[in-house]
Amino acid sequence: GDGTMNEALQGIPEQAQVILGYIPTGSSNDLARDLNIPTD
């Protein structure tokens, strides 16, 4: 969920070169809602 994504951000330095993918399986999924990422 959004909380899992948030926790991942705490472990990724701002200068790191990372591409994030998101499979939303939370209860809120607000990030997916705004980015039109499917909940399936």
Full PDB file with SEQRES, HELIX, SHEET, SSBOND, CRYST1, ORIGX, SCALE, CONECT and MASTER records, all heavy atoms in Angstrom:
SEQRES   1 A   40  GLY ASP GLY THR MET ASN GLU ALA LEU GLN GLY ILE PRO          
SEQRES   2 A   40  GLU GLN ALA GLN VAL ILE LEU GLY TYR ILE PRO THR GLY          
SEQRES   3 A   40  SER SER ASN ASP LEU ALA ARG ASP LEU ASN ILE PRO THR          
SEQRES   4 A   40  ASP                                                          
HELIX    1 AA1 ASP A    2  GLN A   10  1                                   9    
HELIX    2 AA2 ASP A   30  LEU A   35  1                                   6    
CRYST1    1.000    1.000    1.000  90.00  90.00  90.00 P 1           1          
ORIGX1      1.000000  0.000000  0.000000        0.00000                         
ORIGX2      0.000000  1.000000  0.000000        0.00000                         
ORIGX3      0.000000  0.000000  1.000000        0.00000                         
SCALE1      1.000000  0.000000  0.000000        0.00000                         
SCALE2      0.000000  1.000000  0.000000        0.00000                         
SCALE3      0.000000  0.000000  1.000000        0.00000                         
ATOM      1  N   GLY A   1       0.816  -1.205   0.000  1.00  0.00           N  
ATOM      2  CA  GLY A   1       0.000   0.000   0.000  1.00  0.00           C  
ATOM      3  C   GLY A   1       0.852   1.258   0.000  1.00  0.00           C  
ATOM      4  O   GLY A   1       2.086   1.209  -0.131  1.00  0.00           O  
ATOM      5  N   ASP A   2       0.191   2.404   0.169  1.00  0.00           N  
ATOM      6  CA  ASP A   2       0.905   3.677   0.219  1.00  0.00           C  
ATOM      7  C   ASP A   2       1.924   3.687   1.359  1.00  0.00           C  
ATOM      8  O   ASP A   2       2.995   4.290   1.238  1.00  0.00           O  
ATOM      9  CB  ASP A   2      -0.082   4.826   0.403  1.00  0.00           C  
ATOM     10  CG  ASP A   2      -0.933   5.076  -0.840  1.00  0.00           C  
ATOM     11  OD1 ASP A   2      -0.493   4.705  -1.939  1.00  0.00           O  
ATOM     12  OD2 ASP A   2      -2.038   5.630  -0.695  1.00  0.00           O  
ATOM     13  N   GLY A   3       1.593   3.018   2.471  1.00  0.00           N  
ATOM     14  CA  GLY A   3       2.520   2.952   3.597  1.00  0.00           C  
ATOM     15  C   GLY A   3       3.769   2.169   3.265  1.00  0.00           C  
ATOM     16  O   GLY A   3       4.874   2.512   3.717  1.00  0.00           O  
ATOM     17  N   THR A   4       3.627   1.108   2.456  1.00  0.00           N  
ATOM     18  CA  THR A   4       4.795   0.328   2.030  1.00  0.00           C  
ATOM     19  C   THR A   4       5.693   1.164   1.134  1.00  0.00           C  
ATOM     20  O   THR A   4       6.921   1.147   1.270  1.00  0.00           O  
ATOM     21  CB  THR A   4       4.348  -0.943   1.296  1.00  0.00           C  
ATOM     22  OG1 THR A   4       3.359  -1.631   2.070  1.00  0.00           O  
ATOM     23  CG2 THR A   4       5.530  -1.878   1.073  1.00  0.00           C  
ATOM     24  N   MET A   5       5.072   1.894   0.209  1.00  0.00           N  
ATOM     25  CA  MET A   5       5.849   2.792  -0.647  1.00  0.00           C  
ATOM     26  C   MET A   5       6.564   3.847   0.191  1.00  0.00           C  
ATOM     27  O   MET A   5       7.737   4.159  -0.033  1.00  0.00           O  
ATOM     28  CB  MET A   5       4.938   3.458  -1.681  1.00  0.00           C  
ATOM     29  CG  MET A   5       5.629   4.477  -2.569  1.00  0.00           C  
ATOM     30  SD  MET A   5       6.892   3.769  -3.651  1.00  0.00           S  
ATOM     31  CE  MET A   5       5.847   3.153  -4.987  1.00  0.00           C  
ATOM     32  N   ASN A   6       5.855   4.392   1.191  1.00  0.00           N  
ATOM     33  CA  ASN A   6       6.459   5.401   2.048  1.00  0.00           C  
ATOM     34  C   ASN A   6       7.667   4.857   2.787  1.00  0.00           C  
ATOM     35  O   ASN A   6       8.704   5.522   2.885  1.00  0.00           O  
ATOM     36  CB  ASN A   6       5.427   5.940   3.041  1.00  0.00           C  
ATOM     37  CG  ASN A   6       6.005   6.978   3.969  1.00  0.00           C  
ATOM     38  OD1 ASN A   6       6.430   6.687   5.076  1.00  0.00           O  
ATOM     39  ND2 ASN A   6       6.047   8.222   3.502  1.00  0.00           N  
ATOM     40  N   GLU A   7       7.537   3.630   3.300  1.00  0.00           N  
ATOM     41  CA  GLU A   7       8.661   3.053   4.028  1.00  0.00           C  
ATOM     42  C   GLU A   7       9.844   2.813   3.098  1.00  0.00           C  
ATOM     43  O   GLU A   7      11.000   2.994   3.493  1.00  0.00           O  
ATOM     44  CB  GLU A   7       8.251   1.753   4.707  1.00  0.00           C  
ATOM     45  CG  GLU A   7       9.318   1.237   5.669  1.00  0.00           C  
ATOM     46  CD  GLU A   7       8.895   0.006   6.443  1.00  0.00           C  
ATOM     47  OE1 GLU A   7       7.678  -0.187   6.655  1.00  0.00           O  
ATOM     48  OE2 GLU A   7       9.793  -0.760   6.843  1.00  0.00           O  
ATOM     49  N   ALA A   8       9.568   2.418   1.857  1.00  0.00           N  
ATOM     50  CA  ALA A   8      10.663   2.222   0.895  1.00  0.00           C  
ATOM     51  C   ALA A   8      11.425   3.526   0.670  1.00  0.00           C  
ATOM     52  O   ALA A   8      12.660   3.526   0.566  1.00  0.00           O  
ATOM     53  CB  ALA A   8      10.110   1.694  -0.423  1.00  0.00           C  
ATOM     54  N   LEU A   9      10.699   4.644   0.620  1.00  0.00           N  
ATOM     55  CA  LEU A   9      11.357   5.934   0.397  1.00  0.00           C  
ATOM     56  C   LEU A   9      12.332   6.283   1.507  1.00  0.00           C  
ATOM     57  O   LEU A   9      13.317   6.992   1.273  1.00  0.00           O  
ATOM     58  CB  LEU A   9      10.309   7.041   0.266  1.00  0.00           C  
ATOM     59  CG  LEU A   9       9.383   6.988  -0.941  1.00  0.00           C  
ATOM     60  CD1 LEU A   9       8.386   8.128  -0.900  1.00  0.00           C  
ATOM     61  CD2 LEU A   9      10.190   7.025  -2.236  1.00  0.00           C  
ATOM     62  N   GLN A  10      12.061   5.790   2.718  1.00  0.00           N  
ATOM     63  CA  GLN A  10      12.965   6.083   3.834  1.00  0.00           C  
ATOM     64  C   GLN A  10      14.312   5.403   3.645  1.00  0.00           C  
ATOM     65  O   GLN A  10      15.310   5.819   4.246  1.00  0.00           O  
ATOM     66  CB  GLN A  10      12.341   5.654   5.168  1.00  0.00           C  
ATOM     67  CG  GLN A  10      10.908   6.110   5.408  1.00  0.00           C  
ATOM     68  CD  GLN A  10      10.640   7.556   5.046  1.00  0.00           C  
ATOM     69  OE1 GLN A  10      11.395   8.469   5.391  1.00  0.00           O  
ATOM     70  NE2 GLN A  10       9.535   7.779   4.323  1.00  0.00           N  
ATOM     71  N   GLY A  11      14.360   4.354   2.820  1.00  0.00           N  
ATOM     72  CA  GLY A  11      15.611   3.632   2.596  1.00  0.00           C  
ATOM     73  C   GLY A  11      16.310   3.994   1.298  1.00  0.00           C  
ATOM     74  O   GLY A  11      17.359   3.426   0.982  1.00  0.00           O  
ATOM     75  N   ILE A  12      15.739   4.932   0.544  1.00  0.00           N  
ATOM     76  CA  ILE A  12      16.316   5.317  -0.743  1.00  0.00           C  
ATOM     77  C   ILE A  12      16.874   6.733  -0.648  1.00  0.00           C  
ATOM     78  O   ILE A  12      16.106   7.695  -0.500  1.00  0.00           O  
ATOM     79  CB  ILE A  12      15.261   5.247  -1.866  1.00  0.00           C  
ATOM     80  CG1 ILE A  12      14.707   3.824  -1.981  1.00  0.00           C  
ATOM     81  CG2 ILE A  12      15.855   5.696  -3.197  1.00  0.00           C  
ATOM     82  CD1 ILE A  12      13.566   3.693  -2.983  1.00  0.00           C  
ATOM     83  N   PRO A  13      18.181   6.916  -0.712  1.00  0.00           N  
ATOM     84  CA  PRO A  13      18.759   8.268  -0.674  1.00  0.00           C  
ATOM     85  C   PRO A  13      18.250   9.115  -1.837  1.00  0.00           C  
ATOM     86  O   PRO A  13      17.968   8.586  -2.923  1.00  0.00           O  
ATOM     87  CB  PRO A  13      20.270   8.014  -0.786  1.00  0.00           C  
ATOM     88  CG  PRO A  13      20.457   6.584  -0.409  1.00  0.00           C  
ATOM     89  CD  PRO A  13      19.215   5.872  -0.820  1.00  0.00           C  
ATOM     90  N   GLU A  14      18.123  10.397  -1.604  1.00  0.00           N  
ATOM     91  CA  GLU A  14      17.586  11.282  -2.636  1.00  0.00           C  
ATOM     92  C   GLU A  14      18.416  11.275  -3.911  1.00  0.00           C  
ATOM     93  O   GLU A  14      17.899  11.451  -5.010  1.00  0.00           O  
ATOM     94  CB  GLU A  14      17.471  12.708  -2.086  1.00  0.00           C  
ATOM     95  CG  GLU A  14      16.353  12.871  -1.062  1.00  0.00           C  
ATOM     96  CD  GLU A  14      16.270  14.286  -0.524  1.00  0.00           C  
ATOM     97  OE1 GLU A  14      16.434  15.235  -1.313  1.00  0.00           O  
ATOM     98  OE2 GLU A  14      16.069  14.456   0.694  1.00  0.00           O  
ATOM     99  N   GLN A  15      19.721  11.049  -3.779  1.00  0.00           N  
ATOM    100  CA  GLN A  15      20.579  11.083  -4.953  1.00  0.00           C  
ATOM    101  C   GLN A  15      20.632   9.756  -5.688  1.00  0.00           C  
ATOM    102  O   GLN A  15      21.238   9.648  -6.761  1.00  0.00           O  
ATOM    103  CB  GLN A  15      22.004  11.503  -4.561  1.00  0.00           C  
ATOM    104  CG  GLN A  15      22.783  10.465  -3.755  1.00  0.00           C  
ATOM    105  CD  GLN A  15      22.515  10.562  -2.266  1.00  0.00           C  
ATOM    106  OE1 GLN A  15      21.581  11.237  -1.851  1.00  0.00           O  
ATOM    107  NE2 GLN A  15      23.346   9.920  -1.461  1.00  0.00           N  
ATOM    108  N   ALA A  16      19.992   8.712  -5.160  1.00  0.00           N  
ATOM    109  CA  ALA A  16      20.047   7.393  -5.777  1.00  0.00           C  
ATOM    110  C   ALA A  16      19.302   7.381  -7.108  1.00  0.00           C  
ATOM    111  O   ALA A  16      18.256   8.027  -7.261  1.00  0.00           O  
ATOM    112  CB  ALA A  16      19.456   6.349  -4.833  1.00  0.00           C  
ATOM    113  N   GLN A  17      19.831   6.657  -8.071  1.00  0.00           N  
ATOM    114  CA  GLN A  17      19.197   6.510  -9.375  1.00  0.00           C  
ATOM    115  C   GLN A  17      18.289   5.284  -9.341  1.00  0.00           C  
ATOM    116  O   GLN A  17      18.735   4.151  -9.507  1.00  0.00           O  
ATOM    117  CB  GLN A  17      20.261   6.378 -10.467  1.00  0.00           C  
ATOM    118  CG  GLN A  17      21.160   7.586 -10.614  1.00  0.00           C  
ATOM    119  CD  GLN A  17      20.380   8.824 -11.009  1.00  0.00           C  
ATOM    120  OE1 GLN A  17      19.647   8.808 -12.005  1.00  0.00           O  
ATOM    121  NE2 GLN A  17      20.524   9.901 -10.251  1.00  0.00           N  
ATOM    122  N   VAL A  18      17.001   5.515  -9.116  1.00  0.00           N  
ATOM    123  CA  VAL A  18      16.035   4.436  -8.930  1.00  0.00           C  
ATOM    124  C   VAL A  18      14.793   4.717  -9.767  1.00  0.00           C  
ATOM    125  O   VAL A  18      14.310   5.849  -9.820  1.00  0.00           O  
ATOM    126  CB  VAL A  18      15.629   4.296  -7.444  1.00  0.00           C  
ATOM    127  CG1 VAL A  18      14.548   3.220  -7.276  1.00  0.00           C  
ATOM    128  CG2 VAL A  18      16.828   3.962  -6.584  1.00  0.00           C  
ATOM    129  N   ILE A  19      14.291   3.670 -10.416  1.00  0.00           N  
ATOM    130  CA  ILE A  19      12.983   3.727 -11.063  1.00  0.00           C  
ATOM    131  C   ILE A  19      12.045   2.845 -10.258  1.00  0.00           C  
ATOM    132  O   ILE A  19      12.312   1.661 -10.051  1.00  0.00           O  
ATOM    133  CB  ILE A  19      13.052   3.254 -12.525  1.00  0.00           C  
ATOM    134  CG1 ILE A  19      13.914   4.207 -13.359  1.00  0.00           C  
ATOM    135  CG2 ILE A  19      11.654   3.163 -13.125  1.00  0.00           C  
ATOM    136  CD1 ILE A  19      14.107   3.773 -14.795  1.00  0.00           C  
ATOM    137  N   LEU A  20      10.940   3.426  -9.793  1.00  0.00           N  
ATOM    138  CA  LEU A  20       9.996   2.722  -8.939  1.00  0.00           C  
ATOM    139  C   LEU A  20       8.783   2.261  -9.732  1.00  0.00           C  
ATOM    140  O   LEU A  20       8.215   3.019 -10.527  1.00  0.00           O  
ATOM    141  CB  LEU A  20       9.526   3.626  -7.796  1.00  0.00           C  
ATOM    142  CG  LEU A  20      10.563   3.960  -6.713  1.00  0.00           C  
ATOM    143  CD1 LEU A  20      10.051   5.081  -5.827  1.00  0.00           C  
ATOM    144  CD2 LEU A  20      10.868   2.731  -5.866  1.00  0.00           C  
ATOM    145  N   GLY A  21       8.412   1.008  -9.507  1.00  0.00           N  
ATOM    146  CA  GLY A  21       7.142   0.488  -9.990  1.00  0.00           C  
ATOM    147  C   GLY A  21       6.244   0.230  -8.793  1.00  0.00           C  
ATOM    148  O   GLY A  21       6.728   0.004  -7.682  1.00  0.00           O  
ATOM    149  N   TYR A  22       4.933   0.249  -9.014  1.00  0.00           N  
ATOM    150  CA  TYR A  22       4.001   0.146  -7.890  1.00  0.00           C  
ATOM    151  C   TYR A  22       2.855  -0.792  -8.246  1.00  0.00           C  
ATOM    152  O   TYR A  22       2.148  -0.576  -9.238  1.00  0.00           O  
ATOM    153  CB  TYR A  22       3.475   1.537  -7.547  1.00  0.00           C  
ATOM    154  CG  TYR A  22       2.602   1.619  -6.314  1.00  0.00           C  
ATOM    155  CD1 TYR A  22       2.835   0.824  -5.192  1.00  0.00           C  
ATOM    156  CD2 TYR A  22       1.541   2.509  -6.260  1.00  0.00           C  
ATOM    157  CE1 TYR A  22       2.038   0.915  -4.063  1.00  0.00           C  
ATOM    158  CE2 TYR A  22       0.735   2.615  -5.129  1.00  0.00           C  
ATOM    159  CZ  TYR A  22       0.987   1.813  -4.039  1.00  0.00           C  
ATOM    160  OH  TYR A  22       0.201   1.900  -2.921  1.00  0.00           O  
ATOM    161  N   ILE A  23       2.711  -1.848  -7.444  1.00  0.00           N  
ATOM    162  CA  ILE A  23       1.558  -2.740  -7.542  1.00  0.00           C  
ATOM    163  C   ILE A  23       0.729  -2.496  -6.295  1.00  0.00           C  
ATOM    164  O   ILE A  23       1.048  -2.993  -5.217  1.00  0.00           O  
ATOM    165  CB  ILE A  23       2.004  -4.211  -7.644  1.00  0.00           C  
ATOM    166  CG1 ILE A  23       2.887  -4.411  -8.882  1.00  0.00           C  
ATOM    167  CG2 ILE A  23       0.787  -5.141  -7.699  1.00  0.00           C  
ATOM    168  CD1 ILE A  23       3.477  -5.805  -9.008  1.00  0.00           C  
ATOM    169  N   PRO A  24      -0.320  -1.684  -6.380  1.00  0.00           N  
ATOM    170  CA  PRO A  24      -1.038  -1.230  -5.179  1.00  0.00           C  
ATOM    171  C   PRO A  24      -1.940  -2.319  -4.592  1.00  0.00           C  
ATOM    172  O   PRO A  24      -2.893  -2.761  -5.231  1.00  0.00           O  
ATOM    173  CB  PRO A  24      -1.860  -0.047  -5.691  1.00  0.00           C  
ATOM    174  CG  PRO A  24      -2.063  -0.332  -7.149  1.00  0.00           C  
ATOM    175  CD  PRO A  24      -0.857  -1.081  -7.603  1.00  0.00           C  
ATOM    176  N   THR A  25      -1.622  -2.725  -3.367  1.00  0.00           N  
ATOM    177  CA  THR A  25      -2.448  -3.722  -2.674  1.00  0.00           C  
ATOM    178  C   THR A  25      -2.804  -3.223  -1.278  1.00  0.00           C  
ATOM    179  O   THR A  25      -2.933  -4.015  -0.344  1.00  0.00           O  
ATOM    180  CB  THR A  25      -1.721  -5.079  -2.590  1.00  0.00           C  
ATOM    181  OG1 THR A  25      -0.469  -4.911  -1.907  1.00  0.00           O  
ATOM    182  CG2 THR A  25      -1.462  -5.664  -3.966  1.00  0.00           C  
ATOM    183  N   GLY A  26      -2.956  -1.928  -1.133  1.00  0.00           N  
ATOM    184  CA  GLY A  26      -3.301  -1.348   0.162  1.00  0.00           C  
ATOM    185  C   GLY A  26      -4.789  -1.096   0.286  1.00  0.00           C  
ATOM    186  O   GLY A  26      -5.590  -1.516  -0.569  1.00  0.00           O  
ATOM    187  N   SER A  27      -5.171  -0.384   1.341  1.00  0.00           N  
ATOM    188  CA  SER A  27      -6.582  -0.060   1.555  1.00  0.00           C  
ATOM    189  C   SER A  27      -6.931   1.327   1.041  1.00  0.00           C  
ATOM    190  O   SER A  27      -8.092   1.595   0.723  1.00  0.00           O  
ATOM    191  CB  SER A  27      -6.927  -0.162   3.048  1.00  0.00           C  
ATOM    192  OG  SER A  27      -6.085   0.679   3.821  1.00  0.00           O  
ATOM    193  N   SER A  28      -5.948   2.223   0.930  1.00  0.00           N  
ATOM    194  CA  SER A  28      -6.216   3.576   0.447  1.00  0.00           C  
ATOM    195  C   SER A  28      -5.817   3.760  -1.011  1.00  0.00           C  
ATOM    196  O   SER A  28      -6.588   4.230  -1.835  1.00  0.00           O  
ATOM    197  CB  SER A  28      -5.489   4.605   1.316  1.00  0.00           C  
ATOM    198  OG  SER A  28      -5.982   4.590   2.635  1.00  0.00           O  
ATOM    199  N   ASN A  29      -4.574   3.405  -1.338  1.00  0.00           N  
ATOM    200  CA  ASN A  29      -4.076   3.453  -2.719  1.00  0.00           C  
ATOM    201  C   ASN A  29      -4.244   4.834  -3.354  1.00  0.00           C  
ATOM    202  O   ASN A  29      -4.636   4.957  -4.515  1.00  0.00           O  
ATOM    203  CB  ASN A  29      -4.759   2.388  -3.581  1.00  0.00           C  
ATOM    204  CG  ASN A  29      -4.476   0.974  -3.106  1.00  0.00           C  
ATOM    205  OD1 ASN A  29      -3.377   0.667  -2.648  1.00  0.00           O  
ATOM    206  ND2 ASN A  29      -5.460   0.100  -3.201  1.00  0.00           N  
ATOM    207  N   ASP A  30      -3.947   5.890  -2.586  1.00  0.00           N  
ATOM    208  CA  ASP A  30      -4.107   7.241  -3.117  1.00  0.00           C  
ATOM    209  C   ASP A  30      -3.088   7.566  -4.200  1.00  0.00           C  
ATOM    210  O   ASP A  30      -3.395   8.307  -5.137  1.00  0.00           O  
ATOM    211  CB  ASP A  30      -4.015   8.259  -1.975  1.00  0.00           C  
ATOM    212  CG  ASP A  30      -5.236   8.225  -1.076  1.00  0.00           C  
ATOM    213  OD1 ASP A  30      -6.354   8.377  -1.597  1.00  0.00           O  
ATOM    214  OD2 ASP A  30      -5.084   8.031   0.141  1.00  0.00           O  
ATOM    215  N   LEU A  31      -1.874   7.019  -4.086  1.00  0.00           N  
ATOM    216  CA  LEU A  31      -0.870   7.244  -5.122  1.00  0.00           C  
ATOM    217  C   LEU A  31      -1.343   6.645  -6.441  1.00  0.00           C  
ATOM    218  O   LEU A  31      -1.267   7.290  -7.492  1.00  0.00           O  
ATOM    219  CB  LEU A  31       0.465   6.637  -4.695  1.00  0.00           C  
ATOM    220  CG  LEU A  31       1.624   6.799  -5.682  1.00  0.00           C  
ATOM    221  CD1 LEU A  31       1.960   8.265  -5.893  1.00  0.00           C  
ATOM    222  CD2 LEU A  31       2.865   6.045  -5.188  1.00  0.00           C  
ATOM    223  N   ALA A  32      -1.830   5.411  -6.385  1.00  0.00           N  
ATOM    224  CA  ALA A  32      -2.329   4.756  -7.597  1.00  0.00           C  
ATOM    225  C   ALA A  32      -3.533   5.492  -8.164  1.00  0.00           C  
ATOM    226  O   ALA A  32      -3.694   5.618  -9.388  1.00  0.00           O  
ATOM    227  CB  ALA A  32      -2.689   3.307  -7.289  1.00  0.00           C  
ATOM    228  N   ARG A  33      -4.399   5.974  -7.281  1.00  0.00           N  
ATOM    229  CA  ARG A  33      -5.610   6.691  -7.714  1.00  0.00           C  
ATOM    230  C   ARG A  33      -5.240   7.920  -8.536  1.00  0.00           C  
ATOM    231  O   ARG A  33      -5.842   8.194  -9.580  1.00  0.00           O  
ATOM    232  CB  ARG A  33      -6.443   7.094  -6.494  1.00  0.00           C  
ATOM    233  CG  ARG A  33      -7.722   7.839  -6.831  1.00  0.00           C  
ATOM    234  CD  ARG A  33      -8.528   8.169  -5.573  1.00  0.00           C  
ATOM    235  NE  ARG A  33      -9.147   6.975  -5.011  1.00  0.00           N  
ATOM    236  CZ  ARG A  33      -8.730   6.348  -3.905  1.00  0.00           C  
ATOM    237  NH1 ARG A  33      -7.662   6.818  -3.244  1.00  0.00           N  
ATOM    238  NH2 ARG A  33      -9.336   5.282  -3.454  1.00  0.00           N  
ATOM    239  N   ASP A  34      -4.248   8.664  -8.096  1.00  0.00           N  
ATOM    240  CA  ASP A  34      -3.885   9.900  -8.782  1.00  0.00           C  
ATOM    241  C   ASP A  34      -3.084   9.641 -10.051  1.00  0.00           C  
ATOM    242  O   ASP A  34      -3.146  10.432 -10.996  1.00  0.00           O  
ATOM    243  CB  ASP A  34      -3.092  10.805  -7.837  1.00  0.00           C  
ATOM    244  CG  ASP A  34      -3.267  12.278  -8.182  1.00  0.00           C  
ATOM    245  OD1 ASP A  34      -4.348  12.645  -8.671  1.00  0.00           O  
ATOM    246  OD2 ASP A  34      -2.329  13.052  -7.964  1.00  0.00           O  
ATOM    247  N   LEU A  35      -2.348   8.530 -10.088  1.00  0.00           N  
ATOM    248  CA  LEU A  35      -1.498   8.239 -11.244  1.00  0.00           C  
ATOM    249  C   LEU A  35      -2.147   7.278 -12.238  1.00  0.00           C  
ATOM    250  O   LEU A  35      -1.514   6.876 -13.217  1.00  0.00           O  
ATOM    251  CB  LEU A  35      -0.159   7.650 -10.774  1.00  0.00           C  
ATOM    252  CG  LEU A  35       0.715   8.557  -9.913  1.00  0.00           C  
ATOM    253  CD1 LEU A  35       2.002   7.849  -9.536  1.00  0.00           C  
ATOM    254  CD2 LEU A  35       1.018   9.870 -10.627  1.00  0.00           C  
ATOM    255  N   ASN A  36      -3.406   6.898 -11.967  1.00  0.00           N  
ATOM    256  CA  ASN A  36      -4.120   5.960 -12.842  1.00  0.00           C  
ATOM    257  C   ASN A  36      -3.404   4.617 -12.978  1.00  0.00           C  
ATOM    258  O   ASN A  36      -3.387   4.006 -14.052  1.00  0.00           O  
ATOM    259  CB  ASN A  36      -4.348   6.575 -14.228  1.00  0.00           C  
ATOM    260  CG  ASN A  36      -5.296   7.756 -14.202  1.00  0.00           C  
ATOM    261  OD1 ASN A  36      -6.337   7.721 -13.554  1.00  0.00           O  
ATOM    262  ND2 ASN A  36      -4.919   8.825 -14.885  1.00  0.00           N  
ATOM    263  N   ILE A  37      -2.817   4.154 -11.876  1.00  0.00           N  
ATOM    264  CA  ILE A  37      -2.210   2.828 -11.838  1.00  0.00           C  
ATOM    265  C   ILE A  37      -3.310   1.836 -11.466  1.00  0.00           C  
ATOM    266  O   ILE A  37      -4.014   2.033 -10.478  1.00  0.00           O  
ATOM    267  CB  ILE A  37      -1.067   2.762 -10.811  1.00  0.00           C  
ATOM    268  CG1 ILE A  37       0.067   3.717 -11.226  1.00  0.00           C  
ATOM    269  CG2 ILE A  37      -0.537   1.340 -10.655  1.00  0.00           C  
ATOM    270  CD1 ILE A  37       1.168   3.836 -10.191  1.00  0.00           C  
ATOM    271  N   PRO A  38      -3.485   0.758 -12.230  1.00  0.00           N  
ATOM    272  CA  PRO A  38      -4.574  -0.195 -11.939  1.00  0.00           C  
ATOM    273  C   PRO A  38      -4.399  -0.849 -10.574  1.00  0.00           C  
ATOM    274  O   PRO A  38      -3.278  -1.122 -10.145  1.00  0.00           O  
ATOM    275  CB  PRO A  38      -4.440  -1.241 -13.059  1.00  0.00           C  
ATOM    276  CG  PRO A  38      -3.617  -0.596 -14.122  1.00  0.00           C  
ATOM    277  CD  PRO A  38      -2.713   0.378 -13.431  1.00  0.00           C  
ATOM    278  N   THR A  39      -5.521  -1.084  -9.896  1.00  0.00           N  
ATOM    279  CA  THR A  39      -5.471  -1.803  -8.625  1.00  0.00           C  
ATOM    280  C   THR A  39      -5.491  -3.312  -8.841  1.00  0.00           C  
ATOM    281  O   THR A  39      -5.259  -4.062  -7.905  1.00  0.00           O  
ATOM    282  CB  THR A  39      -6.641  -1.407  -7.714  1.00  0.00           C  
ATOM    283  OG1 THR A  39      -7.874  -1.580  -8.416  1.00  0.00           O  
ATOM    284  CG2 THR A  39      -6.509   0.047  -7.291  1.00  0.00           C  
ATOM    285  N   ASP A  40      -5.777  -3.753 -10.054  1.00  0.00           N  
ATOM    286  CA  ASP A  40      -5.639  -5.171 -10.375  1.00  0.00           C  
ATOM    287  C   ASP A  40      -4.153  -5.494 -10.488  1.00  0.00           C  
ATOM    288  O   ASP A  40      -3.434  -4.876 -11.286  1.00  0.00           O  
ATOM    289  CB  ASP A  40      -6.339  -5.500 -11.690  1.00  0.00           C  
ATOM    290  CG  ASP A  40      -6.119  -6.942 -12.109  1.00  0.00           C  
ATOM    291  OD1 ASP A  40      -6.763  -7.838 -11.531  1.00  0.00           O  
ATOM    292  OD2 ASP A  40      -5.254  -7.195 -12.987  1.00  0.00           O  
TER     293      ASP A  40                                                      
MASTER        0    0    0    2    0    0    0    6  292    1    0    4          
END                                                                             
